[in-house]
């Protein structure tokens, strides 16, 4: 659980630490945080951290995953247009449907 908490904290504002957490453990990109309400991509998107979002996407973060309130990373990123653009472009390249479009 400590590693998950560290990953969540890294997704908020520490891209170098996040990258280290994800090395050799790409499944961590989709782990729920200690509260069980969000995944690292949700936190990074909600905080507008483009670099962390990019790292998580490359590690296999699921764009379709929803948080405890039913929102995707795209929906949580709405105030951060650069992150919304990144997530949308990634979804388009991967052929992901309904990645939080409303």
Protein backbone atom coordinates (compact mmCIF):
# COMPACT_ATOMS: atom_id res chain seq x y z
CA UNK A 1 0.00 0.00 0.00
CA UNK A 2 2.90 2.34 0.69
CA UNK A 3 4.05 2.01 -2.94
CA UNK A 4 0.56 2.88 -4.20
CA UNK A 5 0.48 5.95 -1.96
CA UNK A 6 3.90 6.95 -3.25
CA UNK A 7 2.72 6.47 -6.83
CA UNK A 8 -0.35 8.63 -6.22
CA UNK A 9 1.77 11.35 -4.65
CA UNK A 10 4.20 11.18 -7.58
CA UNK A 11 1.34 11.45 -10.09
CA UNK A 12 0.37 14.74 -8.50
CA UNK A 13 3.60 16.63 -9.04
CA UNK A 14 6.77 14.54 -9.31
CA UNK A 15 7.30 13.14 -12.80
CA UNK A 16 10.81 11.78 -12.11
CA UNK A 17 9.64 9.89 -9.05
CA UNK A 18 6.58 8.67 -10.95
CA UNK A 19 8.78 7.36 -13.74
CA UNK A 20 10.84 5.41 -11.20
CA UNK A 21 7.69 3.94 -9.62
CA UNK A 22 6.42 2.80 -13.02
CA UNK A 23 9.68 1.18 -14.18
CA UNK A 24 9.15 -2.54 -14.36
CA UNK A 25 5.66 -2.18 -12.89
CA UNK A 26 3.35 -0.87 -15.60
CA UNK A 27 0.34 -2.37 -13.77
CA UNK A 28 0.86 0.34 -11.17
CA UNK A 29 -0.47 2.88 -13.68
CA UNK A 30 -3.97 1.51 -13.05
CA UNK A 31 -3.86 0.84 -9.32
CA UNK A 32 -6.38 2.56 -7.11
CA UNK A 33 -5.07 5.01 -4.54
CA UNK A 34 -5.16 4.12 -0.83
CA UNK A 35 -8.67 5.62 -0.52
CA UNK A 36 -9.86 3.48 -3.44
CA UNK A 37 -11.47 6.38 -5.26
CA UNK A 38 -8.99 7.32 -8.02
CA UNK A 39 -6.13 6.01 -10.11
CA UNK A 40 -2.88 7.90 -10.76
CA UNK A 41 -4.12 9.15 -14.16
CA UNK A 42 -7.16 10.70 -12.50
CA UNK A 43 -4.97 12.60 -10.03
CA UNK A 44 -2.47 13.77 -12.64
CA UNK A 45 -5.23 14.89 -15.01
CA UNK A 46 -7.20 16.68 -12.29
CA UNK A 47 -4.06 18.58 -11.27
CA UNK A 48 -3.12 19.42 -14.86
CA UNK A 49 0.25 17.68 -14.75
CA UNK A 50 0.92 17.06 -18.43
CA UNK A 51 4.24 15.27 -17.95
CA UNK A 52 2.81 12.85 -15.39
CA UNK A 53 -0.23 12.19 -17.60
CA UNK A 54 2.10 11.39 -20.49
CA UNK A 55 4.19 9.01 -18.37
CA UNK A 56 1.09 7.21 -17.15
CA UNK A 57 -0.33 6.85 -20.66
CA UNK A 58 2.92 5.34 -21.91
CA UNK A 59 2.84 2.94 -18.94
CA UNK A 60 -0.63 1.73 -19.96
CA UNK A 61 -3.02 3.82 -17.88
CA UNK A 62 -6.63 3.12 -18.84
CA UNK A 63 -8.35 6.19 -20.28
CA UNK A 64 -11.76 4.61 -19.78
CA UNK A 65 -11.31 4.02 -16.03
CA UNK A 66 -13.66 6.06 -13.89
CA UNK A 67 -13.14 7.42 -10.40
CA UNK A 68 -15.54 6.96 -7.48
CA UNK A 69 -17.78 9.73 -8.86
CA UNK A 70 -17.94 8.14 -12.33
CA UNK A 71 -15.59 10.61 -14.03
CA UNK A 72 -12.78 9.75 -16.43
CA UNK A 73 -9.39 11.47 -16.57
CA UNK A 74 -10.61 13.59 -19.51
CA UNK A 75 -13.53 14.86 -17.48
CA UNK A 76 -11.34 15.61 -14.47
CA UNK A 77 -8.87 17.47 -16.67
CA UNK A 78 -11.42 19.93 -18.10
CA UNK A 79 -9.89 23.05 -16.48
CA UNK A 80 -6.50 22.06 -18.00
CA UNK A 81 -6.86 22.35 -21.77
CA UNK A 82 -3.36 21.04 -22.53
CA UNK A 83 -4.08 17.84 -20.60
CA UNK A 84 -7.49 17.45 -22.25
CA UNK A 85 -5.83 17.80 -25.66
CA UNK A 86 -3.17 15.22 -24.76
CA UNK A 87 -5.72 12.71 -23.47
CA UNK A 88 -8.00 13.24 -26.46
CA UNK A 89 -5.15 12.84 -28.95
CA UNK A 90 -4.00 9.68 -27.18
CA UNK A 91 -7.54 8.27 -27.26
CA UNK A 92 -7.85 9.06 -30.97
CA UNK A 93 -4.54 7.37 -31.78
CA UNK A 94 -5.51 4.30 -29.77
CA UNK A 95 -9.07 4.16 -31.08
CA UNK A 96 -10.50 4.55 -27.59
CA UNK A 97 -14.17 5.46 -27.59
CA UNK A 98 -15.96 7.39 -24.89
CA UNK A 99 -12.82 8.49 -23.07
CA UNK A 100 -14.79 11.00 -21.08
CA UNK A 101 -16.45 12.94 -23.82
CA UNK A 102 -19.72 14.46 -22.77
